[in-house]
Amino acid sequence: MTNRIAVYLGAFLIGMILLDILVFGTEHIVFLTKKLLELIEWMAFWR
């Protein structure tokens, strides 16, 4: 992955998160963050 692609991908992700916060509020982000942390913990167990 080149730096240019990484910057565009990062900007896209940040833009989508900001759009989600503006449209739906922050409850979704908190829920998804908690679930992502649970998934990371579960994956670490199987490692």
N, C-alpha and C. Protein backbone atom coordinates (compact mmCIF):
# COMPACT_ATOMS: atom_id res chain seq x y z
N MET A 1 0.85 -1.16 0.00
CA MET A 1 0.00 0.00 0.00
C MET A 1 0.90 1.23 0.00
N THR A 2 0.63 2.11 -0.91
CA THR A 2 1.42 3.33 -0.98
C THR A 2 0.91 4.35 0.03
N ASN A 3 1.71 5.36 0.26
CA ASN A 3 1.30 6.42 1.19
C ASN A 3 0.06 7.16 0.69
N ARG A 4 -0.02 7.35 -0.60
CA ARG A 4 -1.16 8.06 -1.19
C ARG A 4 -2.46 7.29 -0.93
N ILE A 5 -2.44 5.99 -1.14
CA ILE A 5 -3.63 5.17 -0.90
C ILE A 5 -3.99 5.18 0.58
N ALA A 6 -2.99 5.09 1.45
CA ALA A 6 -3.24 5.10 2.89
C ALA A 6 -3.87 6.41 3.33
N VAL A 7 -3.41 7.53 2.79
CA VAL A 7 -3.98 8.83 3.15
C VAL A 7 -5.42 8.93 2.67
N TYR A 8 -5.70 8.52 1.45
CA TYR A 8 -7.07 8.55 0.94
C TYR A 8 -7.99 7.64 1.74
N LEU A 9 -7.52 6.46 2.06
CA LEU A 9 -8.32 5.52 2.84
C LEU A 9 -8.59 6.07 4.23
N GLY A 10 -7.58 6.63 4.87
CA GLY A 10 -7.75 7.24 6.19
C GLY A 10 -8.72 8.41 6.15
N ALA A 11 -8.60 9.27 5.15
CA ALA A 11 -9.51 10.41 5.02
C ALA A 11 -10.94 9.93 4.77
N PHE A 12 -11.09 8.88 3.98
CA PHE A 12 -12.42 8.33 3.72
C PHE A 12 -13.05 7.79 5.00
N LEU A 13 -12.27 7.03 5.77
CA LEU A 13 -12.80 6.45 7.00
C LEU A 13 -13.18 7.54 8.01
N ILE A 14 -12.33 8.53 8.16
CA ILE A 14 -12.63 9.63 9.08
C ILE A 14 -13.87 10.38 8.61
N GLY A 15 -13.98 10.61 7.32
CA GLY A 15 -15.16 11.28 6.76
C GLY A 15 -16.43 10.48 7.01
N MET A 16 -16.38 9.18 6.84
CA MET A 16 -17.56 8.35 7.07
C MET A 16 -17.95 8.33 8.54
N ILE A 17 -16.96 8.31 9.42
CA ILE A 17 -17.25 8.34 10.86
C ILE A 17 -17.89 9.67 11.23
N LEU A 18 -17.36 10.77 10.71
CA LEU A 18 -17.93 12.08 10.99
C LEU A 18 -19.35 12.20 10.44
N LEU A 19 -19.59 11.67 9.25
CA LEU A 19 -20.93 11.68 8.68
C LEU A 19 -21.89 10.87 9.54
N ASP A 20 -21.46 9.72 10.03
CA ASP A 20 -22.29 8.90 10.89
C ASP A 20 -22.63 9.63 12.18
N ILE A 21 -21.65 10.31 12.75
CA ILE A 21 -21.89 11.06 13.99
C ILE A 21 -22.87 12.20 13.74
N LEU A 22 -22.73 12.90 12.63
CA LEU A 22 -23.63 14.02 12.32
C LEU A 22 -25.06 13.55 12.07
N VAL A 23 -25.21 12.43 11.40
CA VAL A 23 -26.55 11.96 11.02
C VAL A 23 -27.22 11.19 12.16
N PHE A 24 -26.50 10.27 12.80
CA PHE A 24 -27.12 9.36 13.76
C PHE A 24 -26.74 9.61 15.21
N GLY A 25 -25.72 10.39 15.47
CA GLY A 25 -25.28 10.60 16.84
C GLY A 25 -24.13 9.68 17.18
N THR A 26 -23.73 9.71 18.45
CA THR A 26 -22.53 8.96 18.84
C THR A 26 -22.82 7.58 19.42
N GLU A 27 -24.08 7.23 19.59
CA GLU A 27 -24.41 5.93 20.20
C GLU A 27 -23.89 4.77 19.37
N HIS A 28 -23.96 4.88 18.06
CA HIS A 28 -23.51 3.80 17.18
C HIS A 28 -22.01 3.59 17.29
N ILE A 29 -21.26 4.67 17.35
CA ILE A 29 -19.81 4.58 17.41
C ILE A 29 -19.38 3.90 18.71
N VAL A 30 -20.03 4.25 19.82
CA VAL A 30 -19.68 3.64 21.11
C VAL A 30 -19.98 2.15 21.07
N PHE A 31 -21.14 1.76 20.54
CA PHE A 31 -21.52 0.36 20.44
C PHE A 31 -20.53 -0.42 19.57
N LEU A 32 -20.22 0.14 18.41
CA LEU A 32 -19.30 -0.55 17.51
C LEU A 32 -17.90 -0.65 18.08
N THR A 33 -17.46 0.37 18.82
CA THR A 33 -16.15 0.31 19.45
C THR A 33 -16.09 -0.79 20.50
N LYS A 34 -17.16 -0.90 21.30
CA LYS A 34 -17.20 -1.96 22.31
C LYS A 34 -17.16 -3.34 21.66
N LYS A 35 -17.93 -3.53 20.60
CA LYS A 35 -17.95 -4.81 19.90
C LYS A 35 -16.61 -5.10 19.23
N LEU A 36 -15.95 -4.08 18.70
CA LEU A 36 -14.64 -4.28 18.08
C LEU A 36 -13.62 -4.70 19.13
N LEU A 37 -13.67 -4.10 20.30
CA LEU A 37 -12.74 -4.49 21.37
C LEU A 37 -13.00 -5.92 21.84
N GLU A 38 -14.26 -6.32 21.89
CA GLU A 38 -14.59 -7.71 22.23
C GLU A 38 -14.05 -8.67 21.18
N LEU A 39 -14.18 -8.30 19.91
CA LEU A 39 -13.68 -9.14 18.82
C LEU A 39 -12.16 -9.26 18.89
N ILE A 40 -11.48 -8.17 19.17
CA ILE A 40 -10.01 -8.21 19.27
C ILE A 40 -9.59 -9.11 20.43
N GLU A 41 -10.30 -9.01 21.55
CA GLU A 41 -10.00 -9.87 22.69
C GLU A 41 -10.22 -11.34 22.33
N TRP A 42 -11.30 -11.63 21.65
CA TRP A 42 -11.62 -13.01 21.25
C TRP A 42 -10.58 -13.54 20.27
N MET A 43 -10.15 -12.70 19.33
CA MET A 43 -9.14 -13.12 18.36
C MET A 43 -7.81 -13.36 19.05
N ALA A 44 -7.47 -12.58 20.05
CA ALA A 44 -6.22 -12.75 20.78
C ALA A 44 -6.23 -14.08 21.54
N PHE A 45 -7.40 -14.51 22.01
CA PHE A 45 -7.52 -15.78 22.69
C PHE A 45 -7.15 -16.92 21.76
N TRP A 46 -7.57 -16.87 20.51
CA TRP A 46 -7.31 -17.94 19.56
C TRP A 46 -5.92 -17.87 18.94
N ARG A 47 -5.22 -16.85 19.21
CA ARG A 47 -3.87 -16.69 18.66
C ARG A 47 -2.93 -17.57 19.33
